[in-house]
Amino acid sequence: MIESIHGVIERKEPTMLFINANGFVFNLSICIREYEKLPSVGTDITILTYLNVREDLMELYGFIDKERRDLFINLISVSGIGPRTAINLLSNASVAAFKENIVNEDIKSLSLIPGIGPKTAQRIVIDIKEKIVVTGSTNQDIDSSKLNFNVDDIYTALSSLGYKKSQIDKVIKKLNQDGDFEGNIEDVIKKILSIIR
């Protein structure tokens, strides 16, 4: 498997990315949510990849972050979902919301994502629920407007330190209630570590 490609963005489209790596131009399929995060043409970038190989085809799929690629790989393990379908599904829902719905067995919410019917949603839950690790927040009333980063990054960082999601939820809720949930990620994590139990 080609783990990643490092090079210069030569061209980008909502569903396609062209990277020039030492004179070789790679054409990668991407989801629209990845396109929205891409830097400008001419910028150096490292993209995580998944190589899909068939008898008559070899195609690369590109991902900015590992969490989205992991979910993509889990999705294509489900009967009836190929790489093209999986990349389209990831264009229509955030990774955090998608994973939350799977873990909560929320068939109704999954079925609302374009490309997923009730039967497919049920297969997704049955086949990959145990493989999913939820890092995102379930606090729907959290005000993240004063943050200059994605809230999910806090969960990723603190989970790697051994803290449980329920512990992180509790502290974030407290900081939010105190009006102290603001600033850059380093400051917020320091605040959390000072009070987390």
C-alpha atoms as a PDB file:
ATOM      1  CA  MET A   1       0.000   0.000   0.000  1.00  0.00           C
ATOM      2  CA  ILE A   2       1.131   3.556  -0.741  1.00  0.00           C
ATOM      3  CA  GLU A   3       0.923   5.152   2.719  1.00  0.00           C
ATOM      4  CA  SER A   4       1.208   8.774   1.616  1.00  0.00           C
ATOM      5  CA  ILE A   5       2.396  11.099  -1.137  1.00  0.00           C
ATOM      6  CA  HIS A   6       4.406  14.260  -0.584  1.00  0.00           C
ATOM      7  CA  GLY A   7       4.580  16.838  -3.336  1.00  0.00           C
ATOM      8  CA  VAL A   8       3.251  20.078  -4.776  1.00  0.00           C
ATOM      9  CA  ILE A   9      -0.415  20.669  -5.531  1.00  0.00           C
ATOM     10  CA  GLU A  10      -0.561  21.033  -9.311  1.00  0.00           C
ATOM     11  CA  ARG A  11      -4.334  21.197  -9.644  1.00  0.00           C
ATOM     12  CA  LYS A  12      -7.347  20.696  -7.417  1.00  0.00           C
ATOM     13  CA  GLU A  13     -11.037  20.111  -8.038  1.00  0.00           C
ATOM     14  CA  PRO A  14     -13.878  19.338  -5.602  1.00  0.00           C
ATOM     15  CA  THR A  15     -13.415  15.583  -6.076  1.00  0.00           C
ATOM     16  CA  MET A  16      -9.909  15.352  -7.583  1.00  0.00           C
ATOM     17  CA  LEU A  17      -6.404  16.343  -6.480  1.00  0.00           C
ATOM     18  CA  PHE A  18      -3.293  16.345  -8.667  1.00  0.00           C
ATOM     19  CA  ILE A  19       0.054  16.209  -6.842  1.00  0.00           C
ATOM     20  CA  ASN A  20       3.441  16.572  -8.537  1.00  0.00           C
ATOM     21  CA  ALA A  21       5.955  14.414  -6.658  1.00  0.00           C
ATOM     22  CA  ASN A  22       9.412  14.755  -8.204  1.00  0.00           C
ATOM     23  CA  GLY A  23       8.014  14.983 -11.721  1.00  0.00           C
ATOM     24  CA  PHE A  24       5.397  12.236 -11.297  1.00  0.00           C
ATOM     25  CA  VAL A  25       1.845  13.632 -11.201  1.00  0.00           C
ATOM     26  CA  PHE A  26      -0.562  11.566  -9.095  1.00  0.00           C
ATOM     27  CA  ASN A  27      -4.318  11.851  -9.600  1.00  0.00           C
ATOM     28  CA  LEU A  28      -6.170  11.249  -6.301  1.00  0.00           C
ATOM     29  CA  SER A  29      -9.898  11.023  -5.676  1.00  0.00           C
ATOM     30  CA  ILE A  30     -10.918  13.080  -2.648  1.00  0.00           C
ATOM     31  CA  CYS A  31     -14.134  13.957  -0.861  1.00  0.00           C
ATOM     32  CA  ILE A  32     -15.507  17.486  -0.951  1.00  0.00           C
ATOM     33  CA  ARG A  33     -14.731  18.016   2.748  1.00  0.00           C
ATOM     34  CA  GLU A  34     -11.037  17.362   2.038  1.00  0.00           C
ATOM     35  CA  TYR A  35     -11.118  19.791  -0.905  1.00  0.00           C
ATOM     36  CA  GLU A  36     -12.370  22.554   1.399  1.00  0.00           C
ATOM     37  CA  LYS A  37      -9.310  22.092   3.656  1.00  0.00           C
ATOM     38  CA  LEU A  38      -6.687  22.045   0.902  1.00  0.00           C
ATOM     39  CA  PRO A  39      -4.104  24.829   0.654  1.00  0.00           C
ATOM     40  CA  SER A  40      -3.644  26.735  -2.608  1.00  0.00           C
ATOM     41  CA  VAL A  41      -2.146  25.390  -5.840  1.00  0.00           C
ATOM     42  CA  GLY A  42       1.658  25.394  -5.736  1.00  0.00           C
ATOM     43  CA  THR A  43       1.787  24.493  -2.029  1.00  0.00           C
ATOM     44  CA  ASP A  44       3.751  21.523  -0.653  1.00  0.00           C
ATOM     45  CA  ILE A  45       1.501  18.910   0.949  1.00  0.00           C
ATOM     46  CA  THR A  46       1.566  15.385   2.342  1.00  0.00           C
ATOM     47  CA  ILE A  47      -1.587  13.386   1.630  1.00  0.00           C
ATOM     48  CA  LEU A  48      -2.468  10.021   3.178  1.00  0.00           C
ATOM     49  CA  THR A  49      -3.605   7.548   0.556  1.00  0.00           C
ATOM     50  CA  TYR A  50      -5.548   4.363  -0.122  1.00  0.00           C
ATOM     51  CA  LEU A  51      -4.765   2.379  -3.282  1.00  0.00           C
ATOM     52  CA  ASN A  52      -7.730   0.550  -4.770  1.00  0.00           C
ATOM     53  CA  VAL A  53      -6.652  -2.240  -7.113  1.00  0.00           C
ATOM     54  CA  ARG A  54      -8.927  -4.175  -9.468  1.00  0.00           C
ATOM     55  CA  GLU A  55      -8.185  -6.283 -12.519  1.00  0.00           C
ATOM     56  CA  ASP A  56      -8.863  -3.377 -14.867  1.00  0.00           C
ATOM     57  CA  LEU A  57      -8.167  -0.407 -12.592  1.00  0.00           C
ATOM     58  CA  MET A  58      -5.777   1.155 -10.103  1.00  0.00           C
ATOM     59  CA  GLU A  59      -6.941   4.318  -8.366  1.00  0.00           C
ATOM     60  CA  LEU A  60      -5.689   6.409  -5.464  1.00  0.00           C
ATOM     61  CA  TYR A  61      -7.858   8.029  -2.818  1.00  0.00           C
ATOM     62  CA  GLY A  62      -6.450  10.928  -0.784  1.00  0.00           C
ATOM     63  CA  PHE A  63      -7.055  12.052   2.800  1.00  0.00           C
ATOM     64  CA  ILE A  64      -5.698  14.948   4.839  1.00  0.00           C
ATOM     65  CA  ASP A  65      -6.195  13.209   8.183  1.00  0.00           C
ATOM     66  CA  LYS A  66      -5.884   9.611   9.366  1.00  0.00           C
ATOM     67  CA  GLU A  67      -9.293   9.542  11.064  1.00  0.00           C
ATOM     68  CA  ARG A  68     -11.139  10.086   7.774  1.00  0.00           C
ATOM     69  CA  ARG A  69      -9.014   7.467   5.999  1.00  0.00           C
ATOM     70  CA  ASP A  70      -9.651   4.947   8.798  1.00  0.00           C
ATOM     71  CA  LEU A  71     -13.400   5.502   8.503  1.00  0.00           C
ATOM     72  CA  PHE A  72     -13.151   5.146   4.703  1.00  0.00           C
ATOM     73  CA  ILE A  73     -11.348   1.792   5.093  1.00  0.00           C
ATOM     74  CA  ASN A  74     -13.988   0.628   7.586  1.00  0.00           C
ATOM     75  CA  LEU A  75     -16.795   1.643   5.222  1.00  0.00           C
ATOM     76  CA  ILE A  76     -15.427  -0.256   2.224  1.00  0.00           C
ATOM     77  CA  SER A  77     -15.290  -3.390   4.369  1.00  0.00           C
ATOM     78  CA  VAL A  78     -19.112  -3.300   4.463  1.00  0.00           C
ATOM     79  CA  SER A  79     -20.825  -5.448   1.837  1.00  0.00           C
ATOM     80  CA  GLY A  80     -22.232  -3.288  -0.956  1.00  0.00           C
ATOM     81  CA  ILE A  81     -20.054  -0.231  -0.267  1.00  0.00           C
ATOM     82  CA  GLY A  82     -17.184   0.338  -2.678  1.00  0.00           C
ATOM     83  CA  PRO A  83     -14.539   3.083  -2.607  1.00  0.00           C
ATOM     84  CA  ARG A  84     -16.573   5.453  -4.802  1.00  0.00           C
ATOM     85  CA  THR A  85     -19.632   5.128  -2.585  1.00  0.00           C
ATOM     86  CA  ALA A  86     -17.538   5.518   0.579  1.00  0.00           C
ATOM     87  CA  ILE A  87     -15.850   8.709  -0.646  1.00  0.00           C
ATOM     88  CA  ASN A  88     -19.255  10.154  -1.581  1.00  0.00           C
ATOM     89  CA  LEU A  89     -20.628   9.304   1.855  1.00  0.00           C
ATOM     90  CA  LEU A  90     -17.696  11.091   3.505  1.00  0.00           C
ATOM     91  CA  SER A  91     -18.470  14.167   1.400  1.00  0.00           C
ATOM     92  CA  ASN A  92     -21.918  14.390   2.962  1.00  0.00           C
ATOM     93  CA  ALA A  93     -21.173  14.042   6.691  1.00  0.00           C
ATOM     94  CA  SER A  94     -18.442  14.963   9.141  1.00  0.00           C
ATOM     95  CA  VAL A  95     -16.321  12.116  10.513  1.00  0.00           C
ATOM     96  CA  ALA A  96     -17.395  12.910  14.098  1.00  0.00           C
ATOM     97  CA  ALA A  97     -21.130  12.872  13.274  1.00  0.00           C
ATOM     98  CA  PHE A  98     -20.812   9.745  11.133  1.00  0.00           C
ATOM     99  CA  LYS A  99     -18.980   7.826  13.857  1.00  0.00           C
ATOM    100  CA  GLU A 100     -21.326   9.060  16.588  1.00  0.00           C
ATOM    101  CA  ASN A 101     -24.332   7.794  14.634  1.00  0.00           C
ATOM    102  CA  ILE A 102     -22.696   4.405  14.116  1.00  0.00           C
ATOM    103  CA  VAL A 103     -21.766   3.961  17.786  1.00  0.00           C
ATOM    104  CA  ASN A 104     -25.251   5.070  18.904  1.00  0.00           C
ATOM    105  CA  GLU A 105     -26.834   2.738  16.316  1.00  0.00           C
ATOM    106  CA  ASP A 106     -28.766   5.726  14.999  1.00  0.00           C
ATOM    107  CA  ILE A 107     -30.104   4.111  11.835  1.00  0.00           C
ATOM    108  CA  LYS A 108     -32.485   7.013  11.203  1.00  0.00           C
ATOM    109  CA  SER A 109     -29.734   9.667  11.159  1.00  0.00           C
ATOM    110  CA  LEU A 110     -27.430   7.481   9.044  1.00  0.00           C
ATOM    111  CA  SER A 111     -30.248   6.937   6.559  1.00  0.00           C
ATOM    112  CA  LEU A 112     -30.524  10.710   6.056  1.00  0.00           C
ATOM    113  CA  ILE A 113     -26.999  10.816   4.570  1.00  0.00           C
ATOM    114  CA  PRO A 114     -27.325  10.802   0.755  1.00  0.00           C
ATOM    115  CA  GLY A 115     -26.353   7.388  -0.578  1.00  0.00           C
ATOM    116  CA  ILE A 116     -27.357   5.423   2.530  1.00  0.00           C
ATOM    117  CA  GLY A 117     -30.727   3.717   2.852  1.00  0.00           C
ATOM    118  CA  PRO A 118     -32.046   2.014   6.012  1.00  0.00           C
ATOM    119  CA  LYS A 119     -30.693  -1.425   5.009  1.00  0.00           C
ATOM    120  CA  THR A 120     -27.211  -0.092   4.227  1.00  0.00           C
ATOM    121  CA  ALA A 121     -27.227   1.939   7.455  1.00  0.00           C
ATOM    122  CA  GLN A 122     -28.038  -1.216   9.412  1.00  0.00           C
ATOM    123  CA  ARG A 123     -25.219  -3.127   7.691  1.00  0.00           C
ATOM    124  CA  ILE A 124     -22.763  -0.323   8.516  1.00  0.00           C
ATOM    125  CA  VAL A 125     -23.706  -0.440  12.203  1.00  0.00           C
ATOM    126  CA  ILE A 126     -23.521  -4.241  12.398  1.00  0.00           C
ATOM    127  CA  ASP A 127     -20.249  -4.542  10.466  1.00  0.00           C
ATOM    128  CA  ILE A 128     -18.113  -1.705  11.840  1.00  0.00           C
ATOM    129  CA  LYS A 129     -19.538  -0.466  15.134  1.00  0.00           C
ATOM    130  CA  GLU A 130     -16.911  -2.351  17.151  1.00  0.00           C
ATOM    131  CA  LYS A 131     -14.096  -0.890  15.031  1.00  0.00           C
ATOM    132  CA  ILE A 132     -15.123   2.717  15.610  1.00  0.00           C
ATOM    133  CA  VAL A 133     -13.409   4.914  18.198  1.00  0.00           C
ATOM    134  CA  VAL A 134     -15.372   8.088  18.867  1.00  0.00           C
ATOM    135  CA  THR A 135     -13.201  11.100  19.613  1.00  0.00           C
ATOM    136  CA  GLY A 136     -15.667  13.886  18.945  1.00  0.00           C
ATOM    137  CA  SER A 137     -17.815  15.776  21.380  1.00  0.00           C
ATOM    138  CA  THR A 138     -21.401  14.787  22.111  1.00  0.00           C
ATOM    139  CA  ASN A 139     -22.072  18.099  23.870  1.00  0.00           C
ATOM    140  CA  GLN A 140     -24.537  19.794  21.556  1.00  0.00           C
ATOM    141  CA  ASP A 141     -24.696  23.025  23.600  1.00  0.00           C
ATOM    142  CA  ILE A 142     -20.946  23.757  23.549  1.00  0.00           C
ATOM    143  CA  ASP A 143     -20.043  27.220  22.239  1.00  0.00           C
ATOM    144  CA  SER A 144     -16.938  26.776  20.110  1.00  0.00           C
ATOM    145  CA  SER A 145     -17.172  30.184  18.425  1.00  0.00           C
ATOM    146  CA  LYS A 146     -14.209  31.564  20.428  1.00  0.00           C
ATOM    147  CA  LEU A 147     -11.892  28.715  19.446  1.00  0.00           C
ATOM    148  CA  ASN A 148      -9.403  28.858  16.589  1.00  0.00           C
ATOM    149  CA  PHE A 149      -9.252  25.054  16.194  1.00  0.00           C
ATOM    150  CA  ASN A 150     -11.541  22.034  15.835  1.00  0.00           C
ATOM    151  CA  VAL A 151     -12.986  20.753  19.147  1.00  0.00           C
ATOM    152  CA  ASP A 152     -12.323  17.169  18.001  1.00  0.00           C
ATOM    153  CA  ASP A 153      -8.579  17.899  18.224  1.00  0.00           C
ATOM    154  CA  ILE A 154      -8.924  18.176  22.027  1.00  0.00           C
ATOM    155  CA  TYR A 155     -10.430  14.697  22.203  1.00  0.00           C
ATOM    156  CA  THR A 156      -7.698  13.254  20.002  1.00  0.00           C
ATOM    157  CA  ALA A 157      -4.926  14.843  22.084  1.00  0.00           C
ATOM    158  CA  LEU A 158      -6.339  13.947  25.509  1.00  0.00           C
ATOM    159  CA  SER A 159      -7.386  10.432  24.471  1.00  0.00           C
ATOM    160  CA  SER A 160      -3.759   9.782  23.540  1.00  0.00           C
ATOM    161  CA  LEU A 161      -2.853  10.744  27.122  1.00  0.00           C
ATOM    162  CA  GLY A 162      -5.219   8.093  28.472  1.00  0.00           C
ATOM    163  CA  TYR A 163      -8.206  10.241  29.422  1.00  0.00           C
ATOM    164  CA  LYS A 164     -11.699   8.891  28.796  1.00  0.00           C
ATOM    165  CA  LYS A 165     -14.230  10.677  26.633  1.00  0.00           C
ATOM    166  CA  SER A 166     -16.625  11.067  29.580  1.00  0.00           C
ATOM    167  CA  GLN A 167     -13.892  12.866  31.572  1.00  0.00           C
ATOM    168  CA  ILE A 168     -13.154  15.218  28.690  1.00  0.00           C
ATOM    169  CA  ASP A 169     -16.872  15.898  28.112  1.00  0.00           C
ATOM    170  CA  LYS A 170     -17.332  16.865  31.754  1.00  0.00           C
ATOM    171  CA  VAL A 171     -14.421  19.329  31.834  1.00  0.00           C
ATOM    172  CA  ILE A 172     -15.316  20.935  28.500  1.00  0.00           C
ATOM    173  CA  LYS A 173     -18.861  21.423  29.731  1.00  0.00           C
ATOM    174  CA  LYS A 174     -17.539  23.124  32.896  1.00  0.00           C
ATOM    175  CA  LEU A 175     -15.196  25.421  30.949  1.00  0.00           C
ATOM    176  CA  ASN A 176     -18.066  26.314  28.636  1.00  0.00           C
ATOM    177  CA  GLN A 177     -20.383  27.140  31.549  1.00  0.00           C
ATOM    178  CA  ASP A 178     -17.663  29.301  33.129  1.00  0.00           C
ATOM    179  CA  GLY A 179     -17.142  31.168  29.842  1.00  0.00           C
ATOM    180  CA  ASP A 180     -13.551  29.955  29.801  1.00  0.00           C
ATOM    181  CA  PHE A 181     -13.732  27.731  26.713  1.00  0.00           C
ATOM    182  CA  GLU A 182     -11.713  29.936  24.367  1.00  0.00           C
ATOM    183  CA  GLY A 183      -8.262  30.546  22.882  1.00  0.00           C
ATOM    184  CA  ASN A 184      -5.826  28.271  21.092  1.00  0.00           C
ATOM    185  CA  ILE A 185      -5.618  24.511  21.587  1.00  0.00           C
ATOM    186  CA  GLU A 186      -2.510  24.668  23.814  1.00  0.00           C
ATOM    187  CA  ASP A 187      -4.213  27.049  26.272  1.00  0.00           C
ATOM    188  CA  VAL A 188      -7.443  25.056  26.351  1.00  0.00           C
ATOM    189  CA  ILE A 189      -5.637  21.755  26.942  1.00  0.00           C
ATOM    190  CA  LYS A 190      -3.645  23.356  29.811  1.00  0.00           C
ATOM    191  CA  LYS A 191      -6.938  24.510  31.400  1.00  0.00           C
ATOM    192  CA  ILE A 192      -8.422  21.033  31.001  1.00  0.00           C
ATOM    193  CA  LEU A 193      -5.374  19.282  32.474  1.00  0.00           C
ATOM    194  CA  SER A 194      -5.483  21.585  35.502  1.00  0.00           C
ATOM    195  CA  ILE A 195      -8.982  20.426  36.475  1.00  0.00           C
ATOM    196  CA  ILE A 196      -9.592  17.022  34.861  1.00  0.00           C
ATOM    197  CA  ARG A 197     -10.160  14.074  37.211  1.00  0.00           C
END
